[in-house]
């Protein structure tokens, strides 16, 4: 009885749908002779052409071989059977989350005869019902991308909109994994407005109402283009090994080192040398908006011990030194002296005693500080403490922007500096614990150190009103064990900590209705720490022509947020025109 209970509990445990997208793949096929007869008992060996890893399978009574839970990469297959020439297939590319099929045909031959064939494996998925297009390393590197943002590639396939909706599912239902680790923003999926005043590409899309928002594919960790081996977006037909949410399942894989040393070194520059100025800047005599962007980095990977231990390292930095046209409401030169102006006419003929701009002669009347003092019931006149405040504003250069067309209020146009500095570090180590390659461990670490001006300076000479600082980090460990030729276990343990902080004003700010305040009262501080611990396990068992997969996934999430967004800045209001 106890054995039956334990068996039921084991089935329930293993049958629980795993809610993470795998970072592995698989290959299977049938070994036959030249007449089409299946060959049972043939030994099929799969060798990694990158790190020398070896796996072996024996065909069953139906001539079927199967390699589940395979790390994406380039492989060589060798089929051997007494009485047949050795069959070798080279340059077999396996892509993430894309089950592949490759049938092998062996010919009769003596011991020592070798038949070499170079052919591509079929990428048509006939193993499960999942739909999606994988992107290989070559495609990732060659497709042009602004700011080299891999996220921009996730939506370039059928069924996915530019905003990140996958077959009608909401954007916040997408699931992004990196090397099997959860790298989602588990509060809002990153669907928040960014770069609200810079206009430098902080948004990645817009919704149906035309509002600027981020797209539905957002990872909390930086993923430099040169660090990506490949990725796949599964848009439909997700199996039990995918989940967390109903949208697209994004699986990205970080590059690994190989027996050969490889690397990259690059620098990309964008500037405004050939850009035109805006019409409003030209009218106000303001220079063209500057834009200088430098994106550079390097990557390298190779062996620590041949066929046993490998390393990969990537560093990327982005530096933006730009300017964005801004306009602020400022006092006119006369108001700064305590002189108030208004338009009037003698004997108005308009309805209700209002001046008619067509028939009446309208002129500007000025009230000096002494006039105001004369009509003040207490005789104080202009508030002397306000005049120094008004004179802190720069002189206007766009009178038509003023609330009254330049009489008392004017506009001031200028290019506010906008700076961005992103640093991304990715490191990965792969170790084959035994020479047979049956036990492997992969360790990956990702660090971010970013600053980005979100709300720009209120006036020239000031610091940005709000700066975003991001120090997110993540670590992932993966242990793959080939317990038997038909039983493979992949255990993942990851810790991803999303960490961001927005600077701003925490105390009261003086602001006016017809003038922009000297200090932005709407830039309020916010900080968030969102760590996610994600252990998961996946087991694949092959029995004859059937493959059974089972696993589990757990997420332990803590949300530590501190926000002044609902704390009103306070102050006073005056000057209503």
Protein backbone atom coordinates (compact mmCIF):
# COMPACT_ATOMS: atom_id res chain seq x y z
CA UNK A 1 0.00 0.00 0.00
CA UNK A 2 2.79 2.44 0.92
CA UNK A 3 4.53 1.68 -2.38
CA UNK A 4 1.36 2.56 -4.28
CA UNK A 5 1.02 5.87 -2.41
CA UNK A 6 4.64 6.76 -3.13
CA UNK A 7 4.14 5.85 -6.79
CA UNK A 8 1.08 8.11 -7.05
CA UNK A 9 2.94 10.99 -5.39
CA UNK A 10 5.87 10.48 -7.76
CA UNK A 11 3.58 10.57 -10.81
CA UNK A 12 1.88 13.75 -9.54
CA UNK A 13 5.24 15.36 -8.86
CA UNK A 14 6.79 14.45 -12.20
CA UNK A 15 3.59 15.18 -14.09
CA UNK A 16 3.48 18.77 -12.89
CA UNK A 17 3.93 21.02 -15.93
CA UNK A 18 7.31 22.66 -15.91
CA UNK A 19 6.78 26.41 -16.27
CA UNK A 20 10.05 27.44 -17.83
CA UNK A 21 11.20 27.39 -21.43
CA UNK A 22 14.03 24.92 -21.98
CA UNK A 23 17.45 26.01 -23.18
CA UNK A 24 18.10 22.62 -24.75
CA UNK A 25 17.01 20.74 -27.88
CA UNK A 26 16.85 17.18 -29.20
CA UNK A 27 17.53 15.04 -32.26
CA UNK A 28 16.19 11.67 -33.32
CA UNK A 29 16.03 9.53 -36.45
CA UNK A 30 15.92 6.06 -37.98
CA UNK A 31 18.95 4.06 -39.08
CA UNK A 32 18.30 1.94 -42.16
CA UNK A 33 20.24 0.03 -44.80
CA UNK A 34 20.29 0.90 -48.49
CA UNK A 35 17.15 -1.17 -49.09
CA UNK A 36 15.18 0.68 -46.40
CA UNK A 37 15.27 -2.02 -43.76
CA UNK A 38 15.74 -0.79 -40.22
CA UNK A 39 18.97 -1.61 -38.40
CA UNK A 40 18.53 -2.50 -34.74
CA UNK A 41 21.40 -2.43 -32.28
CA UNK A 42 23.46 0.13 -34.20
CA UNK A 43 25.65 2.37 -32.08
CA UNK A 44 25.08 6.09 -32.79
CA UNK A 45 27.60 8.50 -31.30
CA UNK A 46 27.05 12.26 -31.18
CA UNK A 47 30.20 14.40 -30.82
CA UNK A 48 30.21 18.13 -30.23
CA UNK A 49 32.39 19.82 -32.84
CA UNK A 50 32.85 22.75 -30.45
CA UNK A 51 33.86 21.20 -27.13
CA UNK A 52 34.39 17.49 -27.83
CA UNK A 53 31.45 16.29 -25.70
CA UNK A 54 30.34 12.74 -26.53
CA UNK A 55 26.97 10.98 -26.17
CA UNK A 56 26.06 7.49 -27.34
CA UNK A 57 22.74 5.85 -28.16
CA UNK A 58 21.79 2.40 -29.45
CA UNK A 59 18.99 1.97 -31.96
CA UNK A 60 15.96 0.00 -30.78
CA UNK A 61 14.10 -2.74 -32.59
CA UNK A 62 12.63 -0.14 -34.93
CA UNK A 63 16.04 1.32 -35.78
CA UNK A 64 15.25 4.53 -33.85
CA UNK A 65 17.94 6.52 -32.04
CA UNK A 66 17.15 9.50 -29.82
CA UNK A 67 19.21 12.18 -28.07
CA UNK A 68 17.04 14.29 -25.74
CA UNK A 69 18.17 17.32 -23.69
CA UNK A 70 21.00 18.30 -26.01
CA UNK A 71 22.83 21.61 -25.69
CA UNK A 72 22.31 23.64 -28.90
CA UNK A 73 25.37 23.68 -31.14
CA UNK A 74 27.12 21.95 -34.05
CA UNK A 75 27.60 18.19 -33.90
CA UNK A 76 28.91 15.13 -35.75
CA UNK A 77 26.96 11.85 -35.82
CA UNK A 78 28.72 8.50 -36.24
CA UNK A 79 26.73 5.28 -36.78
CA UNK A 80 28.46 1.90 -36.44
CA UNK A 81 27.24 -1.68 -36.84
CA UNK A 82 29.08 -4.89 -37.55
CA UNK A 83 28.86 -5.71 -41.25
CA UNK A 84 28.27 -2.10 -42.28
CA UNK A 85 30.63 0.73 -43.15
CA UNK A 86 30.91 3.44 -40.54
CA UNK A 87 28.52 6.30 -41.39
CA UNK A 88 29.55 9.86 -40.43
CA UNK A 89 27.40 12.98 -40.73
CA UNK A 90 29.13 16.30 -40.00
CA UNK A 91 28.11 19.92 -39.40
CA UNK A 92 24.73 19.09 -37.91
CA UNK A 93 23.33 22.30 -36.39
CA UNK A 94 20.83 21.90 -33.55
CA UNK A 95 18.82 24.96 -32.54
CA UNK A 96 17.28 25.73 -29.16
CA UNK A 97 13.79 24.32 -28.47
CA UNK A 98 13.65 22.90 -32.01
CA UNK A 99 13.43 19.10 -32.09
CA UNK A 100 15.25 17.86 -35.20
CA UNK A 101 15.08 14.69 -37.26
CA UNK A 102 17.97 13.09 -39.16
CA UNK A 103 17.67 9.63 -40.68
CA UNK A 104 20.88 7.68 -41.40
CA UNK A 105 21.45 5.19 -44.21
CA UNK A 106 24.25 2.66 -43.74
CA UNK A 107 25.82 0.62 -46.55
CA UNK A 108 27.31 -2.83 -46.39
CA UNK A 109 31.06 -2.71 -45.96
CA UNK A 110 34.08 -4.18 -44.25
CA UNK A 111 35.50 -3.07 -40.94
CA UNK A 112 37.41 0.17 -41.46
CA UNK A 113 35.25 1.42 -44.35
CA UNK A 114 33.95 4.94 -43.67
CA UNK A 115 31.20 6.84 -45.47
CA UNK A 116 31.26 10.61 -44.86
CA UNK A 117 28.19 12.68 -45.64
CA UNK A 118 27.72 16.38 -45.07
CA UNK A 119 24.08 17.40 -45.05
CA UNK A 120 21.80 19.67 -43.09
CA UNK A 121 19.44 18.27 -40.50
CA UNK A 122 15.73 18.75 -41.06
CA UNK A 123 14.52 21.70 -38.96
CA UNK A 124 10.86 20.81 -39.52
CA UNK A 125 9.50 19.93 -36.11
CA UNK A 126 7.74 16.57 -36.36
CA UNK A 127 8.24 15.69 -32.70
CA UNK A 128 5.78 18.00 -30.95
CA UNK A 129 3.12 20.60 -31.79
CA UNK A 130 5.11 23.72 -30.87
CA UNK A 131 5.38 26.47 -33.49
CA UNK A 132 8.16 29.05 -33.64
CA UNK A 133 11.24 30.08 -35.56
CA UNK A 134 14.70 29.70 -34.04
CA UNK A 135 17.44 32.21 -34.81
CA UNK A 136 20.98 30.88 -35.13
CA UNK A 137 24.14 32.73 -34.13
CA UNK A 138 24.76 33.73 -37.76
CA UNK A 139 21.29 35.25 -38.09
CA UNK A 140 21.60 37.09 -34.78
CA UNK A 141 24.89 38.65 -35.86
CA UNK A 142 23.95 39.56 -39.43
CA UNK A 143 20.47 41.08 -39.04
CA UNK A 144 20.87 44.87 -38.56
CA UNK A 145 19.65 46.13 -35.18
CA UNK A 146 19.48 49.65 -33.80
CA UNK A 147 21.49 49.81 -30.54
CA UNK A 148 22.29 46.07 -31.06
CA UNK A 149 19.26 45.15 -28.94
CA UNK A 150 18.46 41.45 -29.33
CA UNK A 151 14.92 42.15 -28.12
CA UNK A 152 14.25 43.77 -31.49
CA UNK A 153 14.52 40.35 -33.15
CA UNK A 154 11.95 38.64 -30.99
CA UNK A 155 8.99 40.07 -32.89
CA UNK A 156 10.17 39.39 -36.47
CA UNK A 157 8.23 36.20 -37.02
CA UNK A 158 4.65 35.31 -37.98
CA UNK A 159 2.07 35.67 -35.24
CA UNK A 160 3.99 38.32 -33.28
CA UNK A 161 3.25 42.05 -33.46
CA UNK A 162 5.89 44.75 -33.13
CA UNK A 163 4.47 45.50 -29.67
CA UNK A 164 4.97 41.95 -28.45
CA UNK A 165 1.48 40.47 -28.64
CA UNK A 166 1.77 36.79 -29.56
CA UNK A 167 -1.28 35.38 -31.36
CA UNK A 168 -3.53 37.80 -29.50
CA UNK A 169 -2.14 37.17 -26.02
CA UNK A 170 -1.39 40.24 -23.90
CA UNK A 171 2.16 41.54 -23.85
CA UNK A 172 2.54 40.91 -20.14
CA UNK A 173 1.96 37.18 -20.70
CA UNK A 174 5.27 36.56 -22.46
CA UNK A 175 7.88 34.47 -20.70
CA UNK A 176 11.59 35.20 -21.23
CA UNK A 177 14.27 32.76 -20.07
CA UNK A 178 18.05 32.94 -20.40
CA UNK A 179 19.85 29.61 -20.14
CA UNK A 180 16.72 28.16 -18.56
CA UNK A 181 16.55 30.93 -15.93
CA UNK A 182 13.60 33.26 -15.34
CA UNK A 183 14.69 36.79 -16.33
CA UNK A 184 11.23 38.40 -16.35
CA UNK A 185 10.10 41.45 -14.44
CA UNK A 186 7.62 39.52 -12.33
CA UNK A 187 5.66 42.62 -11.32
CA UNK A 188 4.80 44.36 -14.58
CA UNK A 189 6.80 42.50 -17.28
CA UNK A 190 8.69 45.75 -17.92
CA UNK A 191 5.61 47.38 -19.46
CA UNK A 192 6.30 50.86 -18.09
CA UNK A 193 7.04 54.15 -19.79
CA UNK A 194 10.72 54.97 -20.03
CA UNK A 195 12.64 57.96 -21.38
CA UNK A 196 9.46 60.01 -21.14
CA UNK A 197 11.11 63.28 -22.12
CA UNK A 198 14.22 62.25 -24.00
CA UNK A 199 12.67 60.80 -27.13
CA UNK A 200 15.80 58.71 -27.73
CA UNK A 201 14.27 55.28 -28.13
CA UNK A 202 13.35 54.38 -24.57
CA UNK A 203 10.05 53.11 -25.93
CA UNK A 204 9.98 49.95 -28.01
CA UNK A 205 6.41 50.15 -29.27
CA UNK A 206 2.97 51.65 -28.85
CA UNK A 207 -0.38 50.21 -27.91
CA UNK A 208 -3.68 50.40 -29.75
CA UNK A 209 -4.32 53.86 -28.35
CA UNK A 210 -1.04 55.19 -29.72
CA UNK A 211 0.53 55.64 -26.28
CA UNK A 212 4.29 55.08 -26.07
CA UNK A 213 5.10 51.93 -24.12
CA UNK A 214 7.68 49.18 -24.03
CA UNK A 215 7.14 46.08 -26.11
CA UNK A 216 6.15 42.76 -24.62
CA UNK A 217 9.62 41.21 -24.70
CA UNK A 218 11.59 42.58 -21.77
CA UNK A 219 14.37 40.93 -19.80
CA UNK A 220 15.60 42.48 -16.58
CA UNK A 221 19.17 41.50 -17.43
CA UNK A 222 21.25 42.96 -20.26
CA UNK A 223 21.71 40.53 -23.14
CA UNK A 224 24.46 41.83 -25.47
CA UNK A 225 24.14 40.67 -29.05
CA UNK A 226 27.62 39.10 -29.11
CA UNK A 227 26.77 36.99 -26.05
CA UNK A 228 23.78 35.24 -27.66
CA UNK A 229 24.31 31.81 -29.21
CA UNK A 230 20.73 31.59 -30.46
CA UNK A 231 17.13 32.01 -29.38
CA UNK A 232 13.61 30.92 -30.22
CA UNK A 233 10.15 32.37 -29.66
CA UNK A 234 7.53 29.63 -29.40
CA UNK A 235 4.27 31.24 -30.47
CA UNK A 236 1.84 28.32 -30.29
CA UNK A 237 1.53 24.69 -29.33
CA UNK A 238 3.50 25.04 -26.12
CA UNK A 239 4.04 21.79 -24.27
CA UNK A 240 4.01 21.08 -20.56
CA UNK A 241 7.68 22.04 -20.35
CA UNK A 242 6.76 25.63 -21.21
CA UNK A 243 4.50 27.95 -19.36
CA UNK A 244 4.38 30.49 -16.53
CA UNK A 245 2.00 32.48 -18.72
CA UNK A 246 -0.05 32.15 -21.90
CA UNK A 247 2.02 34.34 -24.25
CA UNK A 248 5.15 33.71 -26.28
CA UNK A 249 7.85 31.52 -24.77
CA UNK A 250 11.27 33.07 -25.38
CA UNK A 251 14.34 30.91 -24.82
CA UNK A 252 17.76 32.56 -25.18
CA UNK A 253 21.06 30.73 -24.91
CA UNK A 254 24.38 32.32 -23.92
CA UNK A 255 27.45 31.42 -25.92
CA UNK A 256 29.91 28.90 -24.55
CA UNK A 257 33.62 28.55 -25.06
CA UNK A 258 35.01 25.92 -27.41
CA UNK A 259 38.31 24.16 -27.98
CA UNK A 260 39.24 26.99 -30.35
CA UNK A 261 39.83 30.53 -29.19
CA UNK A 262 37.32 32.95 -30.71
CA UNK A 263 36.23 36.50 -30.00
CA UNK A 264 35.07 39.85 -31.32
CA UNK A 265 35.94 43.52 -30.98
CA UNK A 266 33.66 46.30 -32.19
CA UNK A 267 32.77 49.99 -32.03
CA UNK A 268 29.63 51.62 -33.44
CA UNK A 269 29.16 55.37 -33.66
CA UNK A 270 26.11 57.47 -34.44
CA UNK A 271 26.13 61.26 -34.58
CA UNK A 272 24.10 64.20 -35.87
CA UNK A 273 26.58 65.39 -38.52
CA UNK A 274 24.00 65.01 -41.28
CA UNK A 275 20.86 65.66 -39.21
CA UNK A 276 18.65 68.73 -39.69
CA UNK A 277 17.50 71.11 -36.98
CA UNK A 278 13.84 71.38 -35.97
CA UNK A 279 11.74 74.26 -37.26
CA UNK A 280 11.02 75.54 -33.74
CA UNK A 281 14.70 75.52 -32.78
CA UNK A 282 15.56 77.47 -35.91
CA UNK A 283 12.84 80.01 -35.16
CA UNK A 284 14.13 80.51 -31.60
CA UNK A 285 17.79 80.58 -32.65
CA UNK A 286 18.59 77.33 -30.80
CA UNK A 287 21.28 75.03 -32.19
CA UNK A 288 20.57 71.59 -33.62
CA UNK A 289 19.94 68.79 -31.13
CA UNK A 290 23.22 66.93 -30.61
CA UNK A 291 23.29 63.15 -30.74
CA UNK A 292 26.50 61.25 -30.12
CA UNK A 293 26.20 57.54 -29.41
CA UNK A 294 29.11 55.15 -29.02
CA UNK A 295 28.52 51.45 -28.52
CA UNK A 296 31.57 49.28 -28.15
CA UNK A 297 32.66 46.04 -26.59
CA UNK A 298 34.56 42.80 -26.86
CA UNK A 299 33.98 39.10 -26.36
CA UNK A 300 36.24 36.08 -26.13
CA UNK A 301 35.83 32.38 -25.52
CA UNK A 302 38.03 29.31 -25.51
CA UNK A 303 39.24 26.31 -23.58
CA UNK A 304 40.63 26.11 -20.06
CA UNK A 305 41.29 22.36 -20.39
CA UNK A 306 40.77 20.77 -23.79
CA UNK A 307 37.48 18.85 -24.04
CA UNK A 308 36.85 19.43 -20.32
CA UNK A 309 36.56 23.08 -19.28
CA UNK A 310 35.67 26.20 -21.28
CA UNK A 311 35.10 29.90 -20.70
CA UNK A 312 33.26 32.77 -22.38
CA UNK A 313 33.33 36.48 -21.49
CA UNK A 314 31.55 39.46 -23.01
CA UNK A 315 31.68 43.17 -22.15
CA UNK A 316 29.63 45.89 -23.80
CA UNK A 317 29.28 49.60 -23.09
CA UNK A 318 26.98 52.23 -24.54
CA UNK A 319 27.61 55.96 -24.09
CA UNK A 320 25.07 58.56 -25.23
CA UNK A 321 25.87 62.27 -25.03
CA UNK A 322 22.89 63.93 -26.64
CA UNK A 323 20.53 66.85 -26.35
CA UNK A 324 16.75 67.04 -26.64
CA UNK A 325 14.80 70.18 -27.53
CA UNK A 326 12.77 71.46 -24.58
CA UNK A 327 10.47 74.45 -24.04
CA UNK A 328 9.56 76.00 -20.69
CA UNK A 329 7.12 78.74 -19.68
CA UNK A 330 9.06 81.67 -18.19
CA UNK A 331 8.18 85.26 -17.10
CA UNK A 332 8.55 88.07 -19.63
CA UNK A 333 11.23 90.69 -19.11
CA UNK A 334 8.61 93.20 -17.92
CA UNK A 335 7.09 90.82 -15.38
CA UNK A 336 10.55 90.18 -13.95
CA UNK A 337 10.59 93.90 -13.09
CA UNK A 338 7.19 93.77 -11.39
CA UNK A 339 5.33 95.29 -14.36
CA UNK A 340 2.05 93.64 -15.30
CA UNK A 341 0.63 94.08 -18.82
CA UNK A 342 -2.79 93.46 -20.24
CA UNK A 343 -4.72 94.22 -23.42
CA UNK A 344 -7.65 96.64 -23.38
CA UNK A 345 -9.67 99.01 -25.51
CA UNK A 346 -11.77 102.10 -24.99
CA UNK A 347 -15.54 101.73 -25.37
CA UNK A 348 -15.60 97.97 -26.19
CA UNK A 349 -18.26 96.97 -28.71
CA UNK A 350 -18.04 93.20 -28.33
CA UNK A 351 -20.76 91.14 -26.68
CA UNK A 352 -20.76 91.40 -22.90
CA UNK A 353 -18.53 94.45 -22.93
CA UNK A 354 -15.55 92.57 -24.37
CA UNK A 355 -13.18 94.22 -26.84
CA UNK A 356 -13.91 93.29 -30.45
CA UNK A 357 -10.57 92.54 -32.20
CA UNK A 358 -12.04 93.66 -35.54
CA UNK A 359 -13.88 96.88 -34.72
CA UNK A 360 -12.14 98.10 -31.56
CA UNK A 361 -8.66 99.53 -31.24
CA UNK A 362 -6.88 97.26 -28.80
CA UNK A 363 -3.75 98.43 -27.05
CA UNK A 364 -1.47 97.18 -24.28
CA UNK A 365 -1.71 98.78 -20.86
CA UNK A 366 1.11 98.40 -18.31
CA UNK A 367 0.76 98.62 -14.54
CA UNK A 368 4.01 99.51 -12.80
CA UNK A 369 5.07 98.47 -9.33
CA UNK A 370 4.04 101.87 -7.96
CA UNK A 371 0.59 101.55 -9.59
CA UNK A 372 0.11 98.17 -7.95
CA UNK A 373 1.13 99.60 -4.59
CA UNK A 374 -1.34 102.43 -5.02
CA UNK A 375 -4.31 100.08 -5.50
CA UNK A 376 -3.19 97.59 -2.85
CA UNK A 377 -5.56 97.92 0.16
CA UNK A 378 -2.66 97.44 2.58
CA UNK A 379 -0.22 99.45 0.45
CA UNK A 380 2.46 96.76 0.10
CA UNK A 381 2.34 96.36 -3.69
CA UNK A 382 4.57 93.84 -5.42
CA UNK A 383 5.86 91.06 -3.17
CA UNK A 384 9.57 91.86 -2.99
CA UNK A 385 10.41 88.23 -2.18
CA UNK A 386 8.95 87.07 -5.50
CA UNK A 387 10.93 89.37 -7.76
CA UNK A 388 14.27 87.62 -7.03
CA UNK A 389 12.51 84.30 -7.76
CA UNK A 390 11.23 85.56 -11.12
CA UNK A 391 14.69 86.81 -12.02
CA UNK A 392 16.11 83.31 -11.57
CA UNK A 393 14.37 82.35 -14.82
CA UNK A 394 16.22 82.80 -18.11
CA UNK A 395 14.95 85.41 -20.57
CA UNK A 396 12.41 84.02 -23.00
CA UNK A 397 13.20 83.38 -26.67
CA UNK A 398 9.77 82.12 -27.82
CA UNK A 399 7.11 84.74 -26.88
CA UNK A 400 4.31 82.91 -28.71
CA UNK A 401 4.62 79.98 -26.30
CA UNK A 402 3.58 82.20 -23.39
CA UNK A 403 0.07 81.81 -22.02
CA UNK A 404 -0.80 85.39 -23.03
CA UNK A 405 1.31 85.53 -26.18
CA UNK A 406 4.36 87.15 -24.61
CA UNK A 407 2.84 89.99 -22.55
CA UNK A 408 3.67 88.60 -19.12
CA UNK A 409 4.62 85.02 -19.94
CA UNK A 410 7.03 83.83 -22.60
CA UNK A 411 8.64 80.60 -23.69
CA UNK A 412 12.24 79.48 -23.44
CA UNK A 413 13.57 76.88 -25.87
CA UNK A 414 16.85 75.07 -25.31
CA UNK A 415 18.54 71.71 -25.83
CA UNK A 416 18.62 69.83 -22.55
CA UNK A 417 21.58 67.42 -22.15
CA UNK A 418 20.65 63.76 -22.13
CA UNK A 419 23.21 61.18 -21.08
CA UNK A 420 23.09 57.42 -20.97
CA UNK A 421 25.79 55.04 -19.81
CA UNK A 422 25.20 51.28 -19.98
CA UNK A 423 27.66 48.62 -18.89
CA UNK A 424 26.97 44.92 -19.40
CA UNK A 425 29.20 42.04 -18.28
CA UNK A 426 28.48 38.40 -19.14
CA UNK A 427 30.64 35.46 -18.09
CA UNK A 428 30.12 31.73 -18.51
CA UNK A 429 32.07 28.60 -17.57
CA UNK A 430 31.27 25.07 -18.82
CA UNK A 431 32.88 21.99 -17.23
CA UNK A 432 32.66 18.32 -18.22
CA UNK A 433 33.01 16.57 -14.86
CA UNK A 434 33.99 13.26 -16.46
CA UNK A 435 35.84 12.38 -19.65
CA UNK A 436 32.79 10.64 -21.07
CA UNK A 437 30.86 13.92 -20.88
CA UNK A 438 27.96 12.34 -18.98
CA UNK A 439 28.01 14.99 -16.27
CA UNK A 440 28.38 18.66 -17.18
CA UNK A 441 28.01 21.88 -15.23
CA UNK A 442 27.45 25.38 -16.66
CA UNK A 443 27.75 28.58 -14.65
CA UNK A 444 26.65 31.95 -16.05
CA UNK A 445 26.75 35.40 -14.47
CA UNK A 446 25.34 38.68 -15.83
CA UNK A 447 25.86 42.14 -14.34
CA UNK A 448 24.40 45.52 -15.33
CA UNK A 449 25.53 48.99 -14.33
CA UNK A 450 23.38 51.53 -16.16
CA UNK A 451 22.44 55.19 -15.77
CA UNK A 452 19.91 56.90 -18.01
CA UNK A 453 18.45 60.42 -17.79
CA UNK A 454 14.69 59.92 -17.67
CA UNK A 455 13.40 63.46 -16.99
CA UNK A 456 15.79 66.07 -18.29
CA UNK A 457 17.00 69.29 -16.70
CA UNK A 458 14.25 71.80 -16.04
CA UNK A 459 16.50 74.68 -17.15
CA UNK A 460 20.05 75.03 -18.50
CA UNK A 461 22.79 74.43 -15.99
CA UNK A 462 20.71 72.08 -13.85
CA UNK A 463 21.15 68.37 -13.34
CA UNK A 464 18.55 66.00 -14.80
CA UNK A 465 15.32 66.03 -12.81
CA UNK A 466 15.31 62.23 -12.67
CA UNK A 467 17.98 59.64 -13.49
CA UNK A 468 17.40 55.90 -13.72
CA UNK A 469 20.07 53.71 -12.18
CA UNK A 470 20.00 49.97 -12.89
CA UNK A 471 22.28 47.48 -11.16
CA UNK A 472 20.40 44.28 -11.98
CA UNK A 473 22.33 41.03 -11.81
CA UNK A 474 21.70 37.35 -12.35
CA UNK A 475 23.41 34.02 -11.84
CA UNK A 476 22.47 30.61 -13.26
CA UNK A 477 23.81 27.12 -12.74
CA UNK A 478 22.86 24.10 -14.86
CA UNK A 479 23.76 20.48 -14.15
CA UNK A 480 23.16 17.92 -16.90
CA UNK A 481 23.41 14.25 -16.06
CA UNK A 482 23.14 11.43 -18.60
CA UNK A 483 21.99 8.77 -16.13
CA UNK A 484 21.52 6.19 -18.87
CA UNK A 485 21.59 6.39 -22.63
CA UNK A 486 17.80 6.84 -22.54
CA UNK A 487 17.49 8.88 -19.33
CA UNK A 488 18.73 12.48 -19.10
CA UNK A 489 18.27 14.97 -16.25
CA UNK A 490 18.77 18.74 -16.44
CA UNK A 491 18.73 20.66 -13.16
CA UNK A 492 18.74 24.48 -13.14
CA UNK A 493 19.15 26.87 -10.23
CA UNK A 494 19.07 30.60 -10.91
CA UNK A 495 18.95 33.83 -8.96
CA UNK A 496 17.96 37.00 -10.80
CA UNK A 497 17.79 40.30 -8.96
CA UNK A 498 16.09 43.21 -10.71
CA UNK A 499 17.30 46.46 -9.14
CA UNK A 500 16.39 49.97 -10.27
CA UNK A 501 16.14 53.39 -8.67
CA UNK A 502 14.82 56.71 -9.98
CA UNK A 503 16.07 59.94 -8.47
CA UNK A 504 13.76 62.89 -7.86
CA UNK A 505 12.48 65.43 -5.38
CA UNK A 506 11.20 64.03 -2.09
CA UNK A 507 10.26 67.32 -0.39
CA UNK A 508 8.01 70.29 -1.21
CA UNK A 509 8.53 72.30 -4.40
CA UNK A 510 7.29 75.80 -5.27
CA UNK A 511 5.38 75.85 -8.56
CA UNK A 512 3.06 78.20 -10.42
CA UNK A 513 0.22 77.66 -12.86
CA UNK A 514 1.42 79.88 -15.72
CA UNK A 515 5.14 79.29 -15.24
CA UNK A 516 7.13 76.12 -15.24
CA UNK A 517 8.64 75.62 -11.77
CA UNK A 518 12.36 76.12 -11.38
CA UNK A 519 12.51 72.55 -10.08
CA UNK A 520 10.42 69.74 -11.57
CA UNK A 521 7.84 68.73 -8.91
CA UNK A 522 6.72 65.63 -10.79
CA UNK A 523 10.07 63.80 -10.70
CA UNK A 524 9.56 61.68 -7.60
CA UNK A 525 12.02 59.08 -6.25
CA UNK A 526 11.38 55.36 -6.64
CA UNK A 527 13.45 52.29 -5.88
CA UNK A 528 12.76 48.61 -6.43
CA UNK A 529 14.49 45.37 -5.61
CA UNK A 530 12.84 42.29 -7.11
CA UNK A 531 14.87 39.11 -6.51
CA UNK A 532 13.67 35.82 -8.04
CA UNK A 533 15.00 32.41 -7.03
CA UNK A 534 14.09 29.82 -9.65
CA UNK A 535 14.98 26.11 -9.20
CA UNK A 536 13.72 23.76 -11.91
CA UNK A 537 14.29 20.22 -13.07
CA UNK A 538 13.59 18.46 -16.35
CA UNK A 539 13.87 14.72 -16.99
CA UNK A 540 13.58 13.00 -20.37
CA UNK A 541 13.08 9.23 -20.61
CA UNK A 542 13.09 7.43 -23.96
CA UNK A 543 11.37 4.07 -24.28
CA UNK A 544 11.19 2.65 -27.77
CA UNK A 545 9.50 5.16 -30.04
CA UNK A 546 8.19 7.17 -27.10
CA UNK A 547 9.81 9.98 -25.12
CA UNK A 548 8.37 11.00 -21.76
CA UNK A 549 9.41 14.30 -20.23
CA UNK A 550 8.57 15.54 -16.75
CA UNK A 551 9.80 18.19 -14.39
CA UNK A 552 9.00 20.98 -12.00
CA UNK A 553 9.68 24.66 -11.59
CA UNK A 554 9.37 26.95 -8.58
CA UNK A 555 9.73 30.69 -8.20
CA UNK A 556 10.40 32.52 -4.95
CA UNK A 557 9.82 36.23 -5.58
CA UNK A 558 10.21 39.17 -3.21
CA UNK A 559 9.07 42.65 -4.21
CA UNK A 560 10.72 45.46 -2.25
CA UNK A 561 9.46 48.77 -3.62
CA UNK A 562 9.64 52.29 -2.23
CA UNK A 563 7.91 55.08 -4.13
CA UNK A 564 7.11 58.77 -3.64
CA UNK A 565 4.86 58.79 -6.72
CA UNK A 566 1.72 59.34 -4.64
CA UNK A 567 3.35 61.89 -2.35
CA UNK A 568 2.25 65.35 -3.54
CA UNK A 569 5.15 67.76 -3.81
CA UNK A 570 3.24 70.67 -2.24
CA UNK A 571 3.86 74.34 -2.97
CA UNK A 572 1.78 77.31 -4.03
CA UNK A 573 0.09 78.53 -7.18
CA UNK A 574 -0.24 82.04 -8.57
CA UNK A 575 -0.13 84.06 -11.79
CA UNK A 576 -3.36 83.13 -13.54
CA UNK A 577 -3.60 84.98 -16.79
